[in-house]
C-alpha atoms as a PDB file:
ATOM      1  CA  MET A   1      89.841  -1.414-161.862  1.00  0.00           C
ATOM      2  CA  ASN A   2      88.979   2.198-161.225  1.00  0.00           C
ATOM      3  CA  LEU A   3      86.566   3.735-163.738  1.00  0.00           C
ATOM      4  CA  ASN A   4      85.060   7.076-163.684  1.00  0.00           C
ATOM      5  CA  LEU A   5      81.581   7.018-165.300  1.00  0.00           C
ATOM      6  CA  LYS A   6      80.525  10.390-164.424  1.00  0.00           C
ATOM      7  CA  PRO A   7      81.557  12.106-167.557  1.00  0.00           C
ATOM      8  CA  VAL A   8      80.208   9.418-169.756  1.00  0.00           C
ATOM      9  CA  LEU A   9      76.840   9.565-168.080  1.00  0.00           C
ATOM     10  CA  THR A  10      76.862  13.411-168.150  1.00  0.00           C
ATOM     11  CA  LEU A  11      77.622  13.049-171.975  1.00  0.00           C
ATOM     12  CA  PHE A  12      74.971  10.440-172.443  1.00  0.00           C
ATOM     13  CA  CYS A  13      72.359  12.516-170.611  1.00  0.00           C
ATOM     14  CA  GLY A  14      73.147  15.715-172.595  1.00  0.00           C
ATOM     15  CA  LEU A  15      72.769  13.517-175.875  1.00  0.00           C
ATOM     16  CA  PHE A  16      69.624  11.998-174.867  1.00  0.00           C
ATOM     17  CA  TRP A  17      67.862  15.322-174.083  1.00  0.00           C
ATOM     18  CA  ALA A  18      69.367  17.069-177.199  1.00  0.00           C
ATOM     19  CA  THR A  19      67.985  14.322-179.355  1.00  0.00           C
ATOM     20  CA  LEU A  20      64.628  14.651-177.752  1.00  0.00           C
ATOM     21  CA  LEU A  21      64.486  18.343-178.309  1.00  0.00           C
ATOM     22  CA  GLN A  22      65.806  18.441-181.929  1.00  0.00           C
ATOM     23  CA  ALA A  23      64.558  15.296-183.522  1.00  0.00           C
ATOM     24  CA  GLN A  24      61.467  16.281-185.625  1.00  0.00           C
ATOM     25  CA  ILE A  25      60.338  12.606-185.744  1.00  0.00           C
ATOM     26  CA  MET A  26      60.130  12.061-182.113  1.00  0.00           C
ATOM     27  CA  GLN A  27      56.666  10.702-180.944  1.00  0.00           C
ATOM     28  CA  VAL A  28      55.365  10.687-177.318  1.00  0.00           C
ATOM     29  CA  ASP A  29      53.345   7.713-176.707  1.00  0.00           C
ATOM     30  CA  GLU A  30      52.278   8.224-173.031  1.00  0.00           C
ATOM     31  CA  VAL A  31      52.370  10.909-170.367  1.00  0.00           C
ATOM     32  CA  SER A  32      50.989   9.551-167.133  1.00  0.00           C
ATOM     33  CA  PHE A  33      51.089   9.565-163.321  1.00  0.00           C
ATOM     34  CA  ASP A  34      50.353   7.191-160.614  1.00  0.00           C
ATOM     35  CA  THR A  35      50.282   7.508-156.806  1.00  0.00           C
ATOM     36  CA  ARG A  36      49.557   5.591-153.656  1.00  0.00           C
ATOM     37  CA  ALA A  37      48.525   6.961-150.302  1.00  0.00           C
ATOM     38  CA  THR A  38      48.205   4.955-147.058  1.00  0.00           C
ATOM     39  CA  PHE A  39      46.734   5.178-143.553  1.00  0.00           C
ATOM     40  CA  HIS A  40      49.596   3.392-141.737  1.00  0.00           C
ATOM     41  CA  GLN A  41      49.013   1.675-138.401  1.00  0.00           C
ATOM     42  CA  GLN A  42      51.280  -0.233-136.230  1.00  0.00           C
ATOM     43  CA  THR A  43      51.548  -1.779-132.732  1.00  0.00           C
ATOM     44  CA  THR A  44      55.101  -1.997-131.160  1.00  0.00           C
ATOM     45  CA  ASP A  45      55.369  -3.679-127.685  1.00  0.00           C
ATOM     46  CA  GLY A  46      51.573  -3.013-127.361  1.00  0.00           C
ATOM     47  CA  VAL A  47      51.866   0.616-128.088  1.00  0.00           C
ATOM     48  CA  TYR A  48      49.589   1.697-130.955  1.00  0.00           C
ATOM     49  CA  ASP A  49      50.609   4.452-133.464  1.00  0.00           C
ATOM     50  CA  SER A  50      49.275   5.730-136.745  1.00  0.00           C
ATOM     51  CA  HIS A  51      49.643   8.341-139.372  1.00  0.00           C
ATOM     52  CA  PHE A  52      48.735   9.301-142.982  1.00  0.00           C
ATOM     53  CA  GLN A  53      51.350   9.045-145.418  1.00  0.00           C
ATOM     54  CA  GLY A  54      52.055   9.424-149.245  1.00  0.00           C
ATOM     55  CA  ASP A  55      54.000   6.412-150.428  1.00  0.00           C
ATOM     56  CA  TYR A  56      54.604   7.248-154.279  1.00  0.00           C
ATOM     57  CA  LEU A  57      53.819   9.978-156.715  1.00  0.00           C
ATOM     58  CA  ASN A  58      55.507   9.054-160.028  1.00  0.00           C
ATOM     59  CA  PHE A  59      55.616  10.750-163.453  1.00  0.00           C
ATOM     60  CA  HIS A  60      55.858   8.603-166.609  1.00  0.00           C
ATOM     61  CA  LEU A  61      56.988   9.581-170.020  1.00  0.00           C
ATOM     62  CA  LYS A  62      57.211   7.025-172.855  1.00  0.00           C
ATOM     63  CA  GLY A  63      57.997   7.533-176.562  1.00  0.00           C
ATOM     64  CA  HIS A  64      59.960   6.735-179.545  1.00  0.00           C
ATOM     65  CA  ILE A  65      62.489   8.784-181.918  1.00  0.00           C
ATOM     66  CA  THR A  66      62.278   6.327-184.700  1.00  0.00           C
ATOM     67  CA  ASP A  67      60.598   2.985-185.384  1.00  0.00           C
ATOM     68  CA  LYS A  68      63.657   1.359-183.797  1.00  0.00           C
ATOM     69  CA  ILE A  69      64.655   3.916-181.104  1.00  0.00           C
ATOM     70  CA  SER A  70      62.395   4.304-177.961  1.00  0.00           C
ATOM     71  CA  PHE A  71      62.887   6.052-174.530  1.00  0.00           C
ATOM     72  CA  ARG A  72      61.187   5.875-171.203  1.00  0.00           C
ATOM     73  CA  ILE A  73      61.415   8.098-168.100  1.00  0.00           C
ATOM     74  CA  ARG A  74      59.822   7.404-164.703  1.00  0.00           C
ATOM     75  CA  GLN A  75      60.456  10.024-161.879  1.00  0.00           C
ATOM     76  CA  ARG A  76      59.615   9.947-158.177  1.00  0.00           C
ATOM     77  CA  LEU A  77      58.292  13.324-157.510  1.00  0.00           C
ATOM     78  CA  ASN A  78      58.078  12.665-153.646  1.00  0.00           C
ATOM     79  CA  LYS A  79      61.634  11.324-153.407  1.00  0.00           C
ATOM     80  CA  LYS A  80      64.652  13.355-151.993  1.00  0.00           C
ATOM     81  CA  ILE A  81      67.363  14.157-154.539  1.00  0.00           C
ATOM     82  CA  ASP A  82      70.705  13.666-153.269  1.00  0.00           C
ATOM     83  CA  GLU A  83      73.502  16.328-154.061  1.00  0.00           C
ATOM     84  CA  LYS A  84      75.969  13.603-154.632  1.00  0.00           C
ATOM     85  CA  ASN A  85      73.480  11.592-156.727  1.00  0.00           C
ATOM     86  CA  PRO A  86      71.218  14.100-158.567  1.00  0.00           C
ATOM     87  CA  PHE A  87      69.363  11.175-160.384  1.00  0.00           C
ATOM     88  CA  ASN A  88      68.465   9.582-156.915  1.00  0.00           C
ATOM     89  CA  ALA A  89      64.811  10.185-157.652  1.00  0.00           C
ATOM     90  CA  THR A  90      64.805   8.909-161.262  1.00  0.00           C
ATOM     91  CA  ASP A  91      64.048   5.277-161.788  1.00  0.00           C
ATOM     92  CA  PHE A  92      63.952   5.196-165.653  1.00  0.00           C
ATOM     93  CA  LEU A  93      65.837   7.398-167.946  1.00  0.00           C
ATOM     94  CA  TRP A  94      66.867   5.040-170.751  1.00  0.00           C
ATOM     95  CA  ILE A  95      67.006   5.113-174.534  1.00  0.00           C
ATOM     96  CA  LYS A  96      66.619   1.604-176.384  1.00  0.00           C
ATOM     97  CA  TRP A  97      67.772   0.664-179.856  1.00  0.00           C
ATOM     98  CA  GLN A  98      65.964  -2.367-181.437  1.00  0.00           C
ATOM     99  CA  ALA A  99      68.836  -3.035-183.815  1.00  0.00           C
ATOM    100  CA  THR A 100      67.271  -6.253-185.411  1.00  0.00           C
ATOM    101  CA  PRO A 101      64.156  -8.451-184.395  1.00  0.00           C
ATOM    102  CA  HIS A 102      66.504 -10.416-182.229  1.00  0.00           C
ATOM    103  CA  TRP A 103      68.895  -7.831-180.732  1.00  0.00           C
ATOM    104  CA  ALA A 104      68.197  -4.635-178.626  1.00  0.00           C
ATOM    105  CA  PHE A 105      70.594  -2.464-176.973  1.00  0.00           C
ATOM    106  CA  THR A 106      69.758  -0.213-173.915  1.00  0.00           C
ATOM    107  CA  GLY A 107      71.769   2.690-172.345  1.00  0.00           C
ATOM    108  CA  GLY A 108      70.733   4.864-169.483  1.00  0.00           C
ATOM    109  CA  LYS A 109      69.121   4.371-166.003  1.00  0.00           C
ATOM    110  CA  HIS A 110      67.082   1.139-166.024  1.00  0.00           C
ATOM    111  CA  PRO A 111      66.541  -1.737-163.564  1.00  0.00           C
ATOM    112  CA  ILE A 112      69.524  -3.780-162.476  1.00  0.00           C
ATOM    113  CA  ALA A 113      69.001  -7.139-164.078  1.00  0.00           C
ATOM    114  CA  VAL A 114      68.369  -9.139-160.835  1.00  0.00           C
ATOM    115  CA  GLY A 115      65.811 -11.972-161.053  1.00  0.00           C
ATOM    116  CA  GLY A 116      62.874 -12.636-158.820  1.00  0.00           C
ATOM    117  CA  TYR A 117      59.358 -11.254-158.840  1.00  0.00           C
ATOM    118  CA  GLU A 118      59.440  -9.432-155.541  1.00  0.00           C
ATOM    119  CA  ILE A 119      62.284  -7.257-156.916  1.00  0.00           C
ATOM    120  CA  ASP A 120      60.829  -7.137-160.303  1.00  0.00           C
ATOM    121  CA  SER A 121      57.468  -5.724-159.389  1.00  0.00           C
ATOM    122  CA  ALA A 122      56.825  -1.988-159.581  1.00  0.00           C
ATOM    123  CA  PRO A 123      57.559  -0.559-156.098  1.00  0.00           C
ATOM    124  CA  ILE A 124      53.896   1.031-156.083  1.00  0.00           C
ATOM    125  CA  ASP A 125      52.461  -2.556-156.342  1.00  0.00           C
ATOM    126  CA  VAL A 126      54.432  -3.932-153.417  1.00  0.00           C
ATOM    127  CA  TYR A 127      53.110  -3.347-149.872  1.00  0.00           C
ATOM    128  CA  TYR A 128      55.929  -4.785-148.034  1.00  0.00           C
ATOM    129  CA  TYR A 129      59.412  -6.186-148.790  1.00  0.00           C
ATOM    130  CA  GLY A 130      61.864  -8.654-147.341  1.00  0.00           C
ATOM    131  CA  ALA A 131      65.290  -7.879-145.887  1.00  0.00           C
ATOM    132  CA  PHE A 132      67.253  -8.625-149.106  1.00  0.00           C
ATOM    133  CA  SER A 133      65.076  -6.420-151.382  1.00  0.00           C
ATOM    134  CA  SER A 134      64.640  -3.497-148.843  1.00  0.00           C
ATOM    135  CA  ARG A 135      68.199  -3.153-147.986  1.00  0.00           C
ATOM    136  CA  LEU A 136      69.753  -2.945-151.411  1.00  0.00           C
ATOM    137  CA  TYR A 137      71.396   0.500-151.962  1.00  0.00           C
ATOM    138  CA  GLN A 138      69.741   0.741-155.419  1.00  0.00           C
ATOM    139  CA  TYR A 139      67.767  -1.307-157.884  1.00  0.00           C
ATOM    140  CA  TYR A 140      67.784   1.306-160.680  1.00  0.00           C
ATOM    141  CA  ALA A 141      71.234   2.432-162.009  1.00  0.00           C
ATOM    142  CA  PHE A 142      72.879   3.857-165.107  1.00  0.00           C
ATOM    143  CA  GLY A 143      74.413   1.053-167.267  1.00  0.00           C
ATOM    144  CA  VAL A 144      74.406  -0.613-170.581  1.00  0.00           C
ATOM    145  CA  SER A 145      72.687  -3.887-171.628  1.00  0.00           C
ATOM    146  CA  ALA A 146      72.193  -5.934-174.587  1.00  0.00           C
ATOM    147  CA  THR A 147      69.090  -8.222-174.999  1.00  0.00           C
ATOM    148  CA  TYR A 148      68.765 -11.306-177.185  1.00  0.00           C
ATOM    149  CA  THR A 149      65.293 -12.590-178.160  1.00  0.00           C
ATOM    150  CA  PRO A 150      65.660 -15.967-179.764  1.00  0.00           C
ATOM    151  CA  ALA A 151      61.818 -16.582-179.729  1.00  0.00           C
ATOM    152  CA  PRO A 152      58.904 -14.470-178.762  1.00  0.00           C
ATOM    153  CA  GLY A 153      58.679 -14.192-174.969  1.00  0.00           C
ATOM    154  CA  GLN A 154      62.111 -15.251-174.274  1.00  0.00           C
ATOM    155  CA  ASP A 155      64.593 -12.418-173.589  1.00  0.00           C
ATOM    156  CA  ILE A 156      68.271 -13.052-172.550  1.00  0.00           C
ATOM    157  CA  GLN A 157      70.127  -9.988-171.275  1.00  0.00           C
ATOM    158  CA  ILE A 158      73.664  -9.307-170.447  1.00  0.00           C
ATOM    159  CA  GLN A 159      74.322  -5.925-168.347  1.00  0.00           C
ATOM    160  CA  PHE A 160      77.111  -3.969-167.049  1.00  0.00           C
ATOM    161  CA  CYS A 161      76.080  -1.508-164.205  1.00  0.00           C
ATOM    162  CA  PRO A 162      76.895  -0.024-160.717  1.00  0.00           C
ATOM    163  CA  SER A 163      76.480  -2.617-158.041  1.00  0.00           C
ATOM    164  CA  PRO A 164      73.110  -2.794-156.215  1.00  0.00           C
ATOM    165  CA  ILE A 165      74.946  -3.410-152.838  1.00  0.00           C
ATOM    166  CA  SER A 166      77.383  -0.458-153.120  1.00  0.00           C
ATOM    167  CA  PRO A 167      76.579   3.152-152.851  1.00  0.00           C
ATOM    168  CA  GLY A 168      75.614   4.620-156.363  1.00  0.00           C
ATOM    169  CA  THR A 169      78.519   6.993-156.414  1.00  0.00           C
ATOM    170  CA  GLN A 170      81.341   4.392-155.803  1.00  0.00           C
ATOM    171  CA  ASP A 171      83.272   2.575-158.395  1.00  0.00           C
ATOM    172  CA  SER A 172      81.905  -0.893-157.571  1.00  0.00           C
ATOM    173  CA  TYR A 173      80.117  -2.882-160.477  1.00  0.00           C
ATOM    174  CA  SER A 174      77.772  -5.666-161.230  1.00  0.00           C
ATOM    175  CA  TYR A 175      78.039  -8.190-164.003  1.00  0.00           C
ATOM    176  CA  ASN A 176      74.583  -9.639-164.945  1.00  0.00           C
ATOM    177  CA  LEU A 177      73.218 -12.309-167.031  1.00  0.00           C
ATOM    178  CA  TYR A 178      69.435 -12.501-167.017  1.00  0.00           C
ATOM    179  CA  TRP A 179      66.572 -14.578-168.558  1.00  0.00           C
ATOM    180  CA  ASN A 180      63.034 -13.456-168.729  1.00  0.00           C
ATOM    181  CA  GLY A 181      60.963 -16.016-170.244  1.00  0.00           C
ATOM    182  CA  HIS A 182      58.669 -19.072-169.848  1.00  0.00           C
ATOM    183  CA  ILE A 183      58.793 -22.757-169.781  1.00  0.00           C
ATOM    184  CA  GLY A 184      55.405 -23.890-171.271  1.00  0.00           C
ATOM    185  CA  SER A 185      52.376 -21.872-170.616  1.00  0.00           C
ATOM    186  CA  ARG A 186      52.128 -21.851-167.076  1.00  0.00           C
ATOM    187  CA  TRP A 187      55.732 -21.323-165.849  1.00  0.00           C
ATOM    188  CA  LEU A 188      56.945 -17.727-166.176  1.00  0.00           C
ATOM    189  CA  THR A 189      60.630 -17.021-165.257  1.00  0.00           C
ATOM    190  CA  THR A 190      62.956 -14.157-164.312  1.00  0.00           C
ATOM    191  CA  TRP A 191      66.260 -15.994-163.447  1.00  0.00           C
ATOM    192  CA  SER A 192      69.593 -14.346-163.186  1.00  0.00           C
ATOM    193  CA  TYR A 193      73.244 -14.845-162.341  1.00  0.00           C
ATOM    194  CA  ASN A 194      74.843 -11.682-160.810  1.00  0.00           C
ATOM    195  CA  LEU A 195      78.472 -11.087-160.011  1.00  0.00           C
ATOM    196  CA  VAL A 196      78.316  -8.110-157.612  1.00  0.00           C
ATOM    197  CA  GLU A 197      81.051  -6.046-155.772  1.00  0.00           C
ATOM    198  CA  ASP A 198      80.232  -4.615-152.373  1.00  0.00           C
ATOM    199  CA  GLU A 199      81.481  -1.344-150.854  1.00  0.00           C
ATOM    200  CA  LEU A 200      84.651  -3.106-149.736  1.00  0.00           C
ATOM    201  CA  HIS A 201      85.142  -4.127-153.468  1.00  0.00           C
ATOM    202  CA  ARG A 202      84.726  -7.791-152.524  1.00  0.00           C
ATOM    203  CA  LYS A 203      82.844  -9.976-155.131  1.00  0.00           C
ATOM    204  CA  MET A 204      79.698 -12.186-154.496  1.00  0.00           C
ATOM    205  CA  ASN A 205      77.700 -14.585-156.706  1.00  0.00           C
ATOM    206  CA  TRP A 206      73.854 -14.337-156.771  1.00  0.00           C
ATOM    207  CA  PHE A 207      71.825 -17.012-158.245  1.00  0.00           C
ATOM    208  CA  VAL A 208      68.252 -15.766-158.573  1.00  0.00           C
ATOM    209  CA  PHE A 209      65.357 -17.799-159.714  1.00  0.00           C
ATOM    210  CA  GLY A 210      61.998 -16.221-159.714  1.00  0.00           C
ATOM    211  CA  ASN A 211      59.089 -18.253-160.859  1.00  0.00           C
ATOM    212  CA  LYS A 212      55.448 -17.411-161.651  1.00  0.00           C
ATOM    213  CA  PHE A 213      52.716 -19.881-162.056  1.00  0.00           C
ATOM    214  CA  PRO A 214      49.358 -18.450-163.652  1.00  0.00           C
ATOM    215  CA  LEU A 215      46.594 -21.180-162.609  1.00  0.00           C
ATOM    216  CA  GLY A 216      43.555 -19.290-163.747  1.00  0.00           C
ATOM    217  CA  LYS A 217      42.133 -17.061-161.056  1.00  0.00           C
ATOM    218  CA  LEU A 218      45.019 -17.996-158.882  1.00  0.00           C
ATOM    219  CA  VAL A 219      48.582 -16.760-159.445  1.00  0.00           C
ATOM    220  CA  ILE A 220      51.474 -18.101-157.488  1.00  0.00           C
ATOM    221  CA  ASP A 221      55.030 -16.619-157.262  1.00  0.00           C
ATOM    222  CA  VAL A 222      58.185 -18.483-155.842  1.00  0.00           C
ATOM    223  CA  ASP A 223      61.492 -16.777-155.663  1.00  0.00           C
ATOM    224  CA  PHE A 224      64.793 -18.406-154.476  1.00  0.00           C
ATOM    225  CA  ILE A 225      67.874 -16.497-154.056  1.00  0.00           C
ATOM    226  CA  ASN A 226      71.303 -18.104-153.144  1.00  0.00           C
ATOM    227  CA  ARG A 227      74.091 -15.786-152.373  1.00  0.00           C
ATOM    228  CA  ALA A 228      77.610 -17.119-152.144  1.00  0.00           C
ATOM    229  CA  ALA A 229      81.097 -15.459-151.591  1.00  0.00           C
ATOM    230  CA  PHE A 230      84.082 -17.080-152.956  1.00  0.00           C
ATOM    231  CA  GLY A 231      85.412 -17.722-149.412  1.00  0.00           C
ATOM    232  CA  GLN A 232      82.138 -18.988-147.884  1.00  0.00           C
ATOM    233  CA  PRO A 233      82.252 -22.210-146.177  1.00  0.00           C
ATOM    234  CA  HIS A 234      79.163 -23.559-147.492  1.00  0.00           C
ATOM    235  CA  PHE A 235      77.362 -22.906-150.811  1.00  0.00           C
ATOM    236  CA  PHE A 236      73.875 -23.003-149.644  1.00  0.00           C
ATOM    237  CA  SER A 237      74.098 -21.079-146.421  1.00  0.00           C
ATOM    238  CA  ASP A 238      73.150 -17.618-147.401  1.00  0.00           C
ATOM    239  CA  TRP A 239      69.580 -17.561-148.948  1.00  0.00           C
ATOM    240  CA  THR A 240      66.221 -16.351-149.482  1.00  0.00           C
ATOM    241  CA  VAL A 241      62.754 -17.991-150.324  1.00  0.00           C
ATOM    242  CA  ILE A 242      59.625 -16.065-151.009  1.00  0.00           C
ATOM    243  CA  GLY A 243      56.170 -17.196-151.749  1.00  0.00           C
ATOM    244  CA  LYS A 244      53.336 -15.014-152.864  1.00  0.00           C
ATOM    245  CA  ALA A 245      49.736 -15.917-154.039  1.00  0.00           C
ATOM    246  CA  ILE A 246      46.915 -13.779-155.432  1.00  0.00           C
ATOM    247  CA  LEU A 247      43.362 -15.040-156.000  1.00  0.00           C
ATOM    248  CA  SER A 248      41.232 -12.890-158.239  1.00  0.00           C
ATOM    249  CA  LEU A 249      37.407 -12.955-157.722  1.00  0.00           C
ATOM    250  CA  GLY A 250      35.770 -10.339-160.020  1.00  0.00           C
ATOM    251  CA  LYS A 251      36.833  -6.965-158.664  1.00  0.00           C
ATOM    252  CA  TRP A 252      38.443  -8.455-155.772  1.00  0.00           C
ATOM    253  CA  ASN A 253      42.055  -9.851-155.199  1.00  0.00           C
ATOM    254  CA  LEU A 254      42.995 -11.793-152.048  1.00  0.00           C
ATOM    255  CA  CYS A 255      46.703 -11.734-151.499  1.00  0.00           C
ATOM    256  CA  THR A 256      49.195 -13.277-149.295  1.00  0.00           C
ATOM    257  CA  LYS A 257      53.094 -13.336-149.092  1.00  0.00           C
ATOM    258  CA  ILE A 258      55.611 -14.920-146.741  1.00  0.00           C
ATOM    259  CA  GLY A 259      59.449 -15.096-147.044  1.00  0.00           C
ATOM    260  CA  TYR A 260      62.408 -16.438-145.032  1.00  0.00           C
ATOM    261  CA  GLU A 261      65.746 -15.269-145.187  1.00  0.00           C
ATOM    262  CA  ARG A 262      68.985 -16.802-143.612  1.00  0.00           C
ATOM    263  CA  ASN A 263      72.661 -16.353-143.383  1.00  0.00           C
ATOM    264  CA  ASP A 264      74.738 -18.687-141.581  1.00  0.00           C
ATOM    265  CA  ALA A 265      76.979 -17.250-138.825  1.00  0.00           C
ATOM    266  CA  ALA A 266      80.191 -18.889-140.253  1.00  0.00           C
ATOM    267  CA  ASN A 267      79.999 -16.732-143.432  1.00  0.00           C
ATOM    268  CA  VAL A 268      82.520 -14.133-142.462  1.00  0.00           C
ATOM    269  CA  ASP A 269      85.789 -13.208-143.940  1.00  0.00           C
ATOM    270  CA  PRO A 270      89.119 -13.609-142.138  1.00  0.00           C
ATOM    271  CA  ASP A 271      88.658 -10.169-140.660  1.00  0.00           C
ATOM    272  CA  GLY A 272      85.371 -11.165-139.174  1.00  0.00           C
ATOM    273  CA  ILE A 273      83.259  -9.226-141.600  1.00  0.00           C
ATOM    274  CA  SER A 274      80.238 -10.667-143.089  1.00  0.00           C
ATOM    275  CA  TYR A 275      80.522 -11.551-146.662  1.00  0.00           C
ATOM    276  CA  ASP A 276      77.058 -10.419-147.231  1.00  0.00           C
ATOM    277  CA  LEU A 277      76.393  -6.884-146.123  1.00  0.00           C
ATOM    278  CA  VAL A 278      72.742  -6.967-147.015  1.00  0.00           C
ATOM    279  CA  LEU A 279      71.802  -9.696-144.707  1.00  0.00           C
ATOM    280  CA  PRO A 280      74.705 -10.137-142.133  1.00  0.00           C
ATOM    281  CA  ALA A 281      76.006 -13.479-141.044  1.00  0.00           C
ATOM    282  CA  GLY A 282      74.186 -14.927-138.003  1.00  0.00           C
ATOM    283  CA  ASN A 283      70.967 -13.373-138.913  1.00  0.00           C
ATOM    284  CA  ASP A 284      67.540 -14.724-140.143  1.00  0.00           C
ATOM    285  CA  TYR A 285      64.407 -12.756-141.208  1.00  0.00           C
ATOM    286  CA  PHE A 286      60.871 -14.207-141.508  1.00  0.00           C
ATOM    287  CA  TYR A 287      58.114 -11.894-142.652  1.00  0.00           C
ATOM    288  CA  GLY A 288      54.612 -12.510-143.911  1.00  0.00           C
ATOM    289  CA  GLY A 289      51.200 -10.959-144.239  1.00  0.00           C
ATOM    290  CA  ALA A 290      47.933 -11.093-146.190  1.00  0.00           C
ATOM    291  CA  GLY A 291      45.563  -8.310-147.726  1.00  0.00           C
ATOM    292  CA  VAL A 292      42.673  -7.602-149.800  1.00  0.00           C
ATOM    293  CA  GLU A 293      42.447  -5.511-153.103  1.00  0.00           C
ATOM    294  CA  PHE A 294      39.421  -3.825-154.630  1.00  0.00           C
ATOM    295  CA  PHE A 295      39.279  -2.357-158.188  1.00  0.00           C
ATOM    296  CA  PRO A 296      35.967  -0.282-158.197  1.00  0.00           C
ATOM    297  CA  LEU A 297      36.375   0.499-161.942  1.00  0.00           C
ATOM    298  CA  GLY A 298      37.294  -3.042-162.871  1.00  0.00           C
ATOM    299  CA  ASN A 299      40.926  -2.170-164.035  1.00  0.00           C
ATOM    300  CA  GLU A 300      44.089  -0.966-162.650  1.00  0.00           C
ATOM    301  CA  ASP A 301      43.256   2.679-162.618  1.00  0.00           C
ATOM    302  CA  LEU A 302      41.739   2.735-159.171  1.00  0.00           C
ATOM    303  CA  ARG A 303      42.749   0.280-156.450  1.00  0.00           C
ATOM    304  CA  LEU A 304      41.870   0.185-152.557  1.00  0.00           C
ATOM    305  CA  HIS A 305      43.753  -2.080-150.410  1.00  0.00           C
ATOM    306  CA  ALA A 306      43.885  -3.255-146.726  1.00  0.00           C
ATOM    307  CA  VAL A 307      47.099  -5.174-145.634  1.00  0.00           C
ATOM    308  CA  TYR A 308      48.496  -6.780-142.522  1.00  0.00           C
ATOM    309  CA  PHE A 309      52.153  -7.793-142.234  1.00  0.00           C
ATOM    310  CA  ARG A 310      54.764  -8.468-139.616  1.00  0.00           C
ATOM    311  CA  ASP A 311      58.280  -9.635-139.369  1.00  0.00           C
ATOM    312  CA  ASN A 312      60.459 -11.215-136.727  1.00  0.00           C
ATOM    313  CA  HIS A 313      63.206  -8.734-136.825  1.00  0.00           C
ATOM    314  CA  ASP A 314      61.384  -5.458-135.878  1.00  0.00           C
ATOM    315  CA  LYS A 315      58.461  -7.360-134.358  1.00  0.00           C
ATOM    316  CA  VAL A 316      56.121  -4.587-135.395  1.00  0.00           C
ATOM    317  CA  ASN A 317      52.386  -5.384-136.401  1.00  0.00           C
ATOM    318  CA  ASN A 318      51.626  -3.348-139.461  1.00  0.00           C
ATOM    319  CA  PHE A 319      48.115  -2.585-140.863  1.00  0.00           C
ATOM    320  CA  ASP A 320      47.813  -0.189-143.954  1.00  0.00           C
ATOM    321  CA  ILE A 321      44.613   0.902-145.548  1.00  0.00           C
ATOM    322  CA  GLY A 322      45.287   2.809-148.729  1.00  0.00           C
ATOM    323  CA  ILE A 323      44.332   3.878-152.372  1.00  0.00           C
ATOM    324  CA  THR A 324      46.286   3.699-155.657  1.00  0.00           C
ATOM    325  CA  TRP A 325      45.260   5.615-158.832  1.00  0.00           C
ATOM    326  CA  ARG A 326      46.740   5.946-162.158  1.00  0.00           C
ATOM    327  CA  PHE A 327      45.776   8.507-164.638  1.00  0.00           C
ATOM    328  CA  ALA A 328      46.998   9.268-168.104  1.00  0.00           C
ATOM    329  CA  ILE A 329      47.383  12.706-169.429  1.00  0.00           C
ATOM    330  CA  TYR A 330      47.959  11.586-172.987  1.00  0.00           C
ATOM    331  CA  LYS A 331      48.136   8.064-174.533  1.00  0.00           C
ATOM    332  CA  ARG A 332      48.514   7.518-178.261  1.00  0.00           C
ATOM    333  CA  LYS A 333      45.954   5.366-179.523  1.00  0.00           C
END
């Protein structure tokens, strides 16, 4: 099926901005920025290199048009805008209708509903990614979703949007079923089933299980992702597992994260092309690191970090020292 979404998206964006400009009852709830800068150092084959870099500069706008209609924008001010994809630097540009206490509908650019806490985290809070997360073409895309909330803290979402493993301007799509909830008070979940098309219009099944365990001052995340094409010889032969732990001690966080990703060499189609184009067949990827965070003000407004990480693919030792700060220009009380 070949669908051209460009006219629909253009119309949606036009209506979105017209509504914001003309609605007399529009309320802005927050205007803010956040940014992260780093002194990056690495050693490759014994050769040392270093440089200063700006990682993120994000603009946030949150508000509502009525009691039931809200909107959000997050724009990366330091990201290149592609001529073929003018919204490449826009993470969020969505409008949400809370139709009933149990049903909400969202349209616009918002996160593709893939489970897992590594992918779900705001990029400014992630110091290093694994192969699967870092090699996706996109994680934010124009689309539509419906969310059902059977009970507080339990959200079930269905979503139709462009595929995260295909270029954003191509007619390949993702069909997503997502659960963001909890099992008891000490087991939080972001689970999903995703039927995704790649750039060759082949379909794959993703089964993603993100689990968070708050244990007082210690918080542990465990993500498991199984990727399976319909012609794949063995079901559990293309997968990712990620473990992360954060221990909070006053204004300090002690952090560590490790991950292992593997795709069996037999997972190729009759033409010899890997079913999985993100982590190709016959590859494995091990990465890990540890770091420390310090919050001088005792909150998220200012954060200092020092992080070391390494992987077996690039075999580069990375050491980052950086600062993150958030500042609100306006926030409704």
